[in-house]
Protein backbone atom coordinates (compact mmCIF):
# COMPACT_ATOMS: atom_id res chain seq x y z
CA MET A 1 15.25 4.94 -14.82
CA LYS A 2 13.88 2.08 -17.09
CA LYS A 3 16.47 2.67 -19.62
CA LEU A 4 19.23 2.76 -16.85
CA THR A 5 17.66 -0.35 -15.24
CA ALA A 6 17.90 -2.13 -18.64
CA LEU A 7 21.49 -1.10 -19.14
CA LEU A 8 22.52 -2.47 -15.61
CA LEU A 9 20.90 -5.68 -15.77
CA ALA A 10 22.05 -6.35 -19.40
CA ALA A 11 25.66 -5.60 -18.39
CA ILE A 12 25.13 -7.82 -15.10
CA LEU A 13 23.52 -10.91 -17.07
CA THR A 14 26.15 -10.72 -19.99
CA ALA A 15 29.01 -10.69 -17.42
CA SER A 16 27.27 -13.49 -15.45
CA LEU A 17 26.96 -15.86 -18.66
CA LEU A 18 30.21 -14.76 -20.06
CA CYS A 19 31.91 -16.05 -16.71
CA GLY A 20 29.65 -19.15 -15.91
CA CYS A 21 28.07 -17.13 -13.15
CA GLY A 22 30.51 -17.79 -10.65
CA SER A 23 32.76 -20.37 -9.20
CA THR A 24 33.26 -22.31 -5.94
CA THR A 25 36.32 -23.33 -4.33
CA ALA A 26 37.58 -27.07 -4.77
CA ALA A 27 35.53 -28.22 -1.68
CA GLY A 28 32.46 -26.43 -3.00
CA THR A 29 29.40 -28.46 -3.80
CA GLU A 30 26.79 -27.72 -6.37
CA ALA A 31 24.40 -26.59 -3.63
CA ASP A 32 27.04 -24.05 -2.31
CA THR A 33 27.23 -22.64 -6.12
CA ARG A 34 23.66 -22.56 -6.31
CA ALA A 35 23.06 -20.69 -3.29
CA ALA A 36 25.81 -18.23 -4.04
CA GLY A 37 23.59 -17.03 -7.30
CA ALA A 38 26.20 -19.27 -9.60
CA ALA A 39 25.27 -21.95 -11.98
CA GLU A 40 27.43 -24.17 -14.84
CA PRO A 41 27.36 -22.77 -18.04
CA ASN A 42 24.66 -24.13 -20.21
CA THR A 43 25.73 -26.80 -22.78
CA SER A 44 22.70 -28.23 -24.48
CA ALA A 45 20.67 -26.35 -26.85
CA ASP A 46 17.57 -28.18 -25.34
CA VAL A 47 17.97 -26.90 -21.97
CA LYS A 48 15.97 -23.49 -21.17
CA VAL A 49 17.76 -21.48 -18.53
CA ILE A 50 15.64 -19.67 -16.40
CA ARG A 51 17.60 -16.77 -14.19
CA LEU A 52 15.57 -16.07 -11.17
CA ALA A 53 16.57 -12.97 -8.92
CA ALA A 54 15.88 -12.11 -5.34
CA SER A 55 17.19 -9.23 -3.03
CA ASP A 56 17.62 -11.11 0.11
CA PRO A 57 20.83 -12.75 1.51
CA ALA A 58 21.24 -16.16 0.32
CA SER A 59 20.61 -17.51 3.67
CA TYR A 60 17.09 -16.19 3.90
CA PRO A 61 14.39 -18.74 4.17
CA LEU A 62 12.50 -17.73 1.08
CA CYS A 63 15.99 -17.87 -0.90
CA GLN A 64 16.13 -21.57 0.41
CA ALA A 65 12.57 -21.67 -1.19
CA ASP A 66 13.89 -20.38 -4.64
CA SER A 67 16.67 -23.11 -4.61
CA TYR A 68 14.17 -25.71 -3.76
CA PHE A 69 12.12 -24.62 -6.66
CA ALA A 70 15.12 -24.68 -9.05
CA GLU A 71 15.78 -28.32 -7.65
CA LYS A 72 12.20 -29.44 -8.13
CA LEU A 73 11.66 -28.06 -11.63
CA GLY A 74 15.02 -29.53 -12.89
CA GLU A 75 13.64 -32.90 -11.62
CA LEU A 76 10.40 -32.46 -13.18
CA SER A 77 11.62 -31.37 -16.61
CA GLY A 78 14.28 -33.95 -16.35
CA GLY A 79 17.06 -31.10 -16.62
CA LYS A 80 15.24 -29.40 -19.51
CA LEU A 81 14.42 -26.33 -17.37
CA LYS A 82 17.22 -25.06 -15.31
CA VAL A 83 17.00 -22.39 -12.94
CA GLU A 84 19.80 -20.11 -12.21
CA THR A 85 19.55 -18.08 -8.74
CA PHE A 86 20.74 -14.80 -8.33
CA PHE A 87 20.49 -13.23 -4.74
CA ASP A 88 21.70 -10.74 -2.50
CA GLY A 89 20.29 -8.23 -4.83
CA VAL A 90 23.17 -8.48 -7.23
CA LEU A 91 20.85 -8.02 -10.02
CA GLY A 92 19.33 -4.95 -8.50
CA GLU A 93 16.87 -3.84 -6.05
CA GLU A 94 13.34 -5.50 -6.30
CA ALA A 95 11.56 -2.63 -8.39
CA ASP A 96 14.80 -3.01 -10.76
CA THR A 97 14.25 -6.88 -11.40
CA VAL A 98 10.49 -6.35 -11.85
CA GLU A 99 11.38 -3.85 -14.69
CA GLY A 100 13.67 -6.25 -15.94
CA LEU A 101 11.01 -8.99 -16.50
CA GLY A 102 9.01 -6.49 -18.71
CA LEU A 103 12.07 -5.34 -20.47
CA GLY A 104 13.08 -9.14 -21.12
CA MET A 105 16.36 -8.90 -19.40
CA LEU A 106 15.27 -11.45 -16.89
CA GLU A 107 13.22 -14.39 -16.73
CA MET A 108 11.75 -14.61 -13.16
CA ALA A 109 11.97 -13.02 -9.84
CA ARG A 110 10.70 -13.37 -6.43
CA VAL A 111 9.63 -9.73 -4.83
CA SER A 112 7.70 -8.55 -1.93
CA ALA A 113 4.01 -7.60 -2.80
CA GLY A 114 4.74 -4.43 -1.06
CA ASN A 115 7.04 -3.52 -3.80
CA MET A 116 4.92 -5.27 -6.55
CA SER A 117 1.96 -2.72 -5.75
CA THR A 118 3.97 0.12 -7.95
CA PHE A 119 3.13 -2.15 -10.89
CA ILE A 120 -0.35 -3.64 -9.77
CA PRO A 121 -2.15 -1.18 -7.66
CA GLU A 122 -4.49 -3.53 -6.03
CA LEU A 123 -1.66 -5.36 -4.28
CA GLU A 124 -1.89 -2.27 -2.11
CA LEU A 125 -4.24 -3.86 -0.01
CA TYR A 126 -1.88 -6.69 1.24
CA ASN A 127 0.05 -3.86 2.64
CA LEU A 128 -2.26 -2.41 4.90
CA PRO A 129 -1.66 -2.93 8.54
CA TYR A 130 -3.88 -5.22 10.66
CA LEU A 131 -5.80 -6.25 7.45
CA PHE A 132 -5.38 -9.71 8.50
CA THR A 133 -6.42 -11.12 12.05
CA SER A 134 -5.14 -14.60 11.78
CA GLU A 135 -2.89 -16.72 9.79
CA GLU A 136 -5.51 -18.85 8.62
CA GLN A 137 -7.29 -15.92 6.98
CA PHE A 138 -4.00 -14.84 5.52
CA LEU A 139 -3.11 -18.33 3.77
CA ALA A 140 -6.70 -18.53 2.58
CA ALA A 141 -6.39 -15.24 0.71
CA ILE A 142 -3.03 -16.02 -1.16
CA THR A 143 -4.17 -19.60 -1.92
CA GLY A 144 -7.83 -19.40 -3.12
CA ASP A 145 -10.16 -17.06 -4.79
CA VAL A 146 -8.50 -13.99 -3.53
CA LYS A 147 -5.38 -15.19 -5.35
CA ASP A 148 -7.50 -15.94 -8.57
CA ILE A 149 -8.44 -12.38 -8.94
CA TYR A 150 -4.95 -11.12 -8.38
CA ALA A 151 -3.80 -13.80 -11.19
CA GLY A 152 -5.92 -11.87 -13.50
CA LEU A 153 -4.71 -8.40 -12.35
CA PHE A 154 -0.95 -9.56 -12.94
CA GLU A 155 -2.15 -10.55 -16.57
CA ASN A 156 -3.57 -7.61 -17.27
CA ALA A 157 -0.25 -5.70 -16.23
CA GLY A 158 1.92 -7.98 -18.39
CA TYR A 159 2.96 -10.27 -15.75
CA LYS A 160 2.24 -14.07 -14.66
CA LEU A 161 1.72 -14.82 -11.00
CA ILE A 162 3.35 -18.31 -10.19
CA THR A 163 2.66 -18.11 -6.89
CA PHE A 164 2.22 -16.16 -3.53
CA TYR A 165 4.81 -17.12 -0.65
CA ASP A 166 4.05 -16.53 3.17
CA GLU A 167 6.55 -14.37 4.31
CA GLY A 168 5.81 -14.17 7.78
CA THR A 169 4.58 -11.67 10.14
CA ARG A 170 6.27 -8.15 10.33
CA TYR A 171 7.13 -6.46 13.76
CA ILE A 172 8.45 -3.14 15.02
CA PHE A 173 12.38 -2.86 15.85
CA ASN A 174 13.24 0.23 17.94
CA LYS A 175 16.36 2.25 18.70
CA THR A 176 15.54 3.10 22.26
CA GLU A 177 12.41 1.24 23.60
CA CYS A 178 9.96 -1.59 22.76
CA VAL A 179 6.94 -0.10 21.10
CA THR A 180 3.85 -1.46 22.87
CA GLU A 181 1.23 1.60 22.50
CA PRO A 182 0.23 3.89 19.78
CA ALA A 183 1.50 7.09 21.70
CA GLN A 184 5.17 5.76 21.18
CA LEU A 185 5.00 5.91 17.49
CA LYS A 186 4.21 9.51 17.42
CA GLY A 187 6.87 11.36 15.20
CA LEU A 188 8.90 8.16 15.09
CA LYS A 189 11.16 7.88 11.87
CA ILE A 190 10.34 4.19 10.64
CA ARG A 191 11.67 2.94 7.71
CA THR A 192 8.96 1.23 5.30
CA MET A 193 8.72 -0.16 1.80
CA GLY A 194 7.89 2.51 -1.01
CA ALA A 195 4.21 1.45 -1.13
CA GLN A 196 1.80 4.37 -0.33
CA SER A 197 -0.46 2.16 1.68
CA ILE A 198 2.19 0.91 4.19
CA GLN A 199 3.13 4.79 4.56
CA ASP A 200 -0.51 5.88 5.23
CA GLY A 201 -0.89 3.19 7.76
CA PHE A 202 1.98 4.07 9.73
CA ALA A 203 1.21 7.74 9.63
CA ALA A 204 -2.43 6.72 10.95
CA MET A 205 -0.83 5.16 13.53
CA GLY A 206 1.09 8.58 14.33
CA ALA A 207 4.70 7.14 12.99
CA SER A 208 6.56 9.31 10.44
CA PRO A 209 7.09 6.65 7.82
CA THR A 210 10.41 6.92 5.64
CA PRO A 211 10.44 4.89 2.53
CA MET A 212 13.93 3.32 1.65
CA SER A 213 15.65 0.45 -0.13
CA SER A 214 16.49 -2.29 2.10
CA GLY A 215 20.26 -1.99 1.34
CA GLU A 216 20.12 1.46 3.20
CA VAL A 217 18.59 0.51 6.45
CA TYR A 218 21.58 -0.56 8.65
CA THR A 219 23.35 2.77 7.67
CA SER A 220 20.37 4.82 8.16
CA LEU A 221 19.67 3.35 11.84
CA SER A 222 23.17 3.73 12.64
CA GLN A 223 23.59 7.09 11.73
CA GLY A 224 20.22 8.25 13.08
CA VAL A 225 18.53 8.97 10.11
CA ILE A 226 15.79 6.75 11.11
CA ASP A 227 14.64 5.82 14.66
CA ALA A 228 12.93 2.18 13.85
CA CYS A 229 12.41 -0.60 11.00
CA GLU A 230 9.78 -2.98 10.76
CA ASN A 231 10.28 -6.57 9.17
CA ASN A 232 9.86 -10.13 9.98
CA TYR A 233 12.47 -11.70 12.36
CA SER A 234 14.39 -13.67 9.59
CA THR A 235 15.09 -10.51 7.43
CA ILE A 236 16.05 -8.15 10.62
CA TYR A 237 18.63 -11.07 11.63
CA SER A 238 20.05 -12.04 8.27
CA ASN A 239 20.70 -8.09 7.56
CA LYS A 240 21.91 -7.82 11.29
CA LEU A 241 19.30 -4.84 11.67
CA TYR A 242 18.97 -5.75 15.34
CA GLU A 243 22.62 -4.46 16.17
CA ALA A 244 21.04 -1.09 15.37
CA ALA A 245 17.53 -1.50 16.70
CA LYS A 246 17.47 -3.84 19.33
CA TYR A 247 14.15 -3.29 21.00
CA PHE A 248 11.13 -5.05 19.57
CA SER A 249 7.64 -6.30 20.02
CA ASN A 250 5.34 -8.65 18.61
CA THR A 251 3.25 -5.93 17.06
CA GLU A 252 2.13 -8.35 14.36
CA HIS A 253 1.05 -5.24 12.03
CA MET A 254 1.52 -6.80 8.75
CA ARG A 255 1.38 -10.07 6.72
CA VAL A 256 2.88 -8.83 3.17
CA PRO A 257 3.22 -12.24 0.82
CA SER A 258 5.95 -12.37 -1.51
CA VAL A 259 5.32 -13.33 -5.26
CA LEU A 260 7.29 -15.16 -7.73
CA LEU A 261 6.63 -14.09 -11.27
CA CYS A 262 7.73 -13.85 -14.80
CA SER A 263 6.55 -11.48 -17.75
CA LEU A 264 3.33 -13.02 -19.27
CA ASP A 265 5.23 -13.10 -22.92
CA TYR A 266 7.85 -15.05 -21.53
CA TRP A 267 5.31 -17.42 -19.63
CA ASN A 268 3.46 -17.89 -22.89
CA GLY A 269 6.55 -19.03 -24.62
CA PHE A 270 6.53 -22.28 -22.63
CA THR A 271 4.51 -25.32 -23.56
CA ALA A 272 1.64 -26.30 -21.69
CA GLU A 273 3.65 -29.24 -20.17
CA GLU A 274 6.32 -26.80 -19.07
CA GLN A 275 3.75 -24.34 -17.56
CA GLU A 276 2.25 -27.50 -15.41
CA MET A 277 5.89 -28.39 -14.22
CA ILE A 278 6.53 -24.86 -13.42
CA ALA A 279 3.03 -24.58 -11.50
CA GLU A 280 3.85 -27.76 -9.73
CA ALA A 281 7.16 -27.04 -8.73
CA ALA A 282 6.19 -23.51 -7.41
CA ALA A 283 3.41 -25.56 -5.15
CA ALA A 284 6.01 -27.95 -3.77
CA ALA A 285 8.30 -24.75 -2.84
CA PHE A 286 5.17 -22.95 -1.12
CA ASP A 287 4.90 -25.66 1.26
CA TYR A 288 8.73 -26.01 1.66
CA ALA A 289 8.91 -22.06 2.21
CA ARG A 290 6.33 -22.36 5.07
CA GLU A 291 8.33 -24.99 6.54
CA VAL A 292 11.67 -23.22 6.40
CA PHE A 293 10.28 -19.78 7.02
CA ASN A 294 8.49 -20.77 10.43
CA ALA A 295 11.82 -22.70 11.54
CA GLY A 296 13.91 -19.77 10.38
CA GLU A 297 11.46 -17.29 12.30
CA GLN A 298 11.81 -19.12 15.74
CA GLU A 299 15.70 -19.47 14.87
CA ALA A 300 16.13 -15.68 14.21
CA PHE A 301 14.00 -15.00 17.32
CA ASP A 302 16.28 -16.96 19.68
CA ALA A 303 19.52 -15.66 18.10
CA MET A 304 18.56 -12.09 18.52
CA MET A 305 17.69 -12.68 22.24
CA ALA A 306 20.95 -14.39 22.61
CA GLU A 307 22.88 -11.30 21.11
CA GLY A 308 21.15 -8.97 23.92
CA CYS A 309 18.00 -7.79 22.16
CA VAL A 310 15.00 -6.68 24.60
CA TYR A 311 11.38 -8.36 23.86
CA ALA A 312 8.27 -7.00 24.91
CA GLU A 313 5.24 -9.41 24.35
CA LEU A 314 1.94 -7.75 23.54
CA SER A 315 -1.48 -8.57 24.28
CA ASP A 316 -4.57 -8.98 21.99
CA GLU A 317 -6.09 -5.57 23.42
CA GLN A 318 -2.74 -3.76 23.03
CA ARG A 319 -2.46 -4.83 19.39
CA ALA A 320 -6.36 -3.67 18.84
CA ALA A 321 -5.40 -0.11 19.88
CA PHE A 322 -2.96 -0.08 16.88
CA SER A 323 -5.53 -1.64 14.49
CA ALA A 324 -8.41 0.70 15.38
CA LEU A 325 -6.42 3.56 14.07
CA CYS A 326 -5.73 1.78 10.68
CA ALA A 327 -9.51 1.20 9.81
CA PRO A 328 -10.11 4.50 7.89
CA VAL A 329 -6.79 3.57 5.64
CA HIS A 330 -8.58 0.46 4.76
CA GLU A 331 -11.36 2.25 3.37
CA LYS A 332 -9.15 4.61 1.33
CA TYR A 333 -7.73 1.71 -0.47
CA ALA A 334 -10.99 -0.14 -1.52
CA SER A 335 -11.45 2.57 -4.15
CA ASN A 336 -12.51 0.84 -6.99
CA ASP A 337 -14.79 -2.07 -7.50
CA ILE A 338 -12.22 -4.62 -7.84
CA SER A 339 -10.36 -3.50 -4.58
CA ARG A 340 -13.86 -3.53 -2.66
CA GLN A 341 -14.47 -7.12 -3.89
CA ILE A 342 -11.06 -8.29 -2.60
CA LEU A 343 -11.19 -6.15 0.48
CA GLU A 344 -14.57 -7.76 1.36
CA GLN A 345 -13.60 -11.25 0.31
CA ILE A 346 -10.27 -10.98 2.71
CA ARG A 347 -12.79 -9.97 5.58
CA ALA A 348 -15.20 -12.46 4.72
CA LEU A 349 -12.08 -15.15 5.38
CA ALA A 350 -11.57 -13.78 8.86
């Protein structure tokens, strides 16, 4: 698999560099080119080109944050650090891009912590349903002492954690009815990310978790391979998954962050000044991402309702019924000293 990934990434990246990563129409703008994952050819030996890959559509809020990061870093570095963005999964699924970082075929990637847990097992904790009880608790966990612990774990695995991103709350979208109680999940085939902790959480709630790549979800829903999916509103809307699963409720079962990362070897190749500029650009992009993501979530919700989706509002008591079933899974994934320390610190932030 890794050999195939390396070959595919090498072919795609070589082709992108030879053709200047794409083109725009005569009326196109530089921003349009960047959003499409394209960039002008590098003409200066003094410019460091950083290729950043993400699997989401260019319209997705965090892709907008990636573009903002690129702009900010360009400004801070006086154009010496140039980020070229590749969206829509053109460089592969998230696991492929993480492998590409380790193989030196790509400089940066933004991926879900749900998929990154394959490489850093302690990230499984962030995938646990109903781990977080509030937005404030979640934000504290991705910006404070807990983040620092994870930064060390990333380095142990050969990666540099540049920043976490808030990727919103996740909800269940179903083909036949709004899910409002655990009994409705019994035997329900629901698409999940590949992380085992996510699958265990849904199994504990009675569902039949079905891991698959994001690109397969629409067809699988349409053909009856799965009955439901779960994600934030922006992802559901930008991928048009609501067309096949229009019944949803605010289960708010997970808040899985996204991570911007690079290989540790690549990071160590930057000067201290360049590392500071990257960190500053990432901090600015974090704030920008929160702003555009919150706005995007409301816009996606409104748009889906206008398209005829059916929504059910859950009470705190209804969500508590789901949460209670997940408690044993939380304990399962606090299986070593580091995971237990992280879990206890997260709980203390509630």
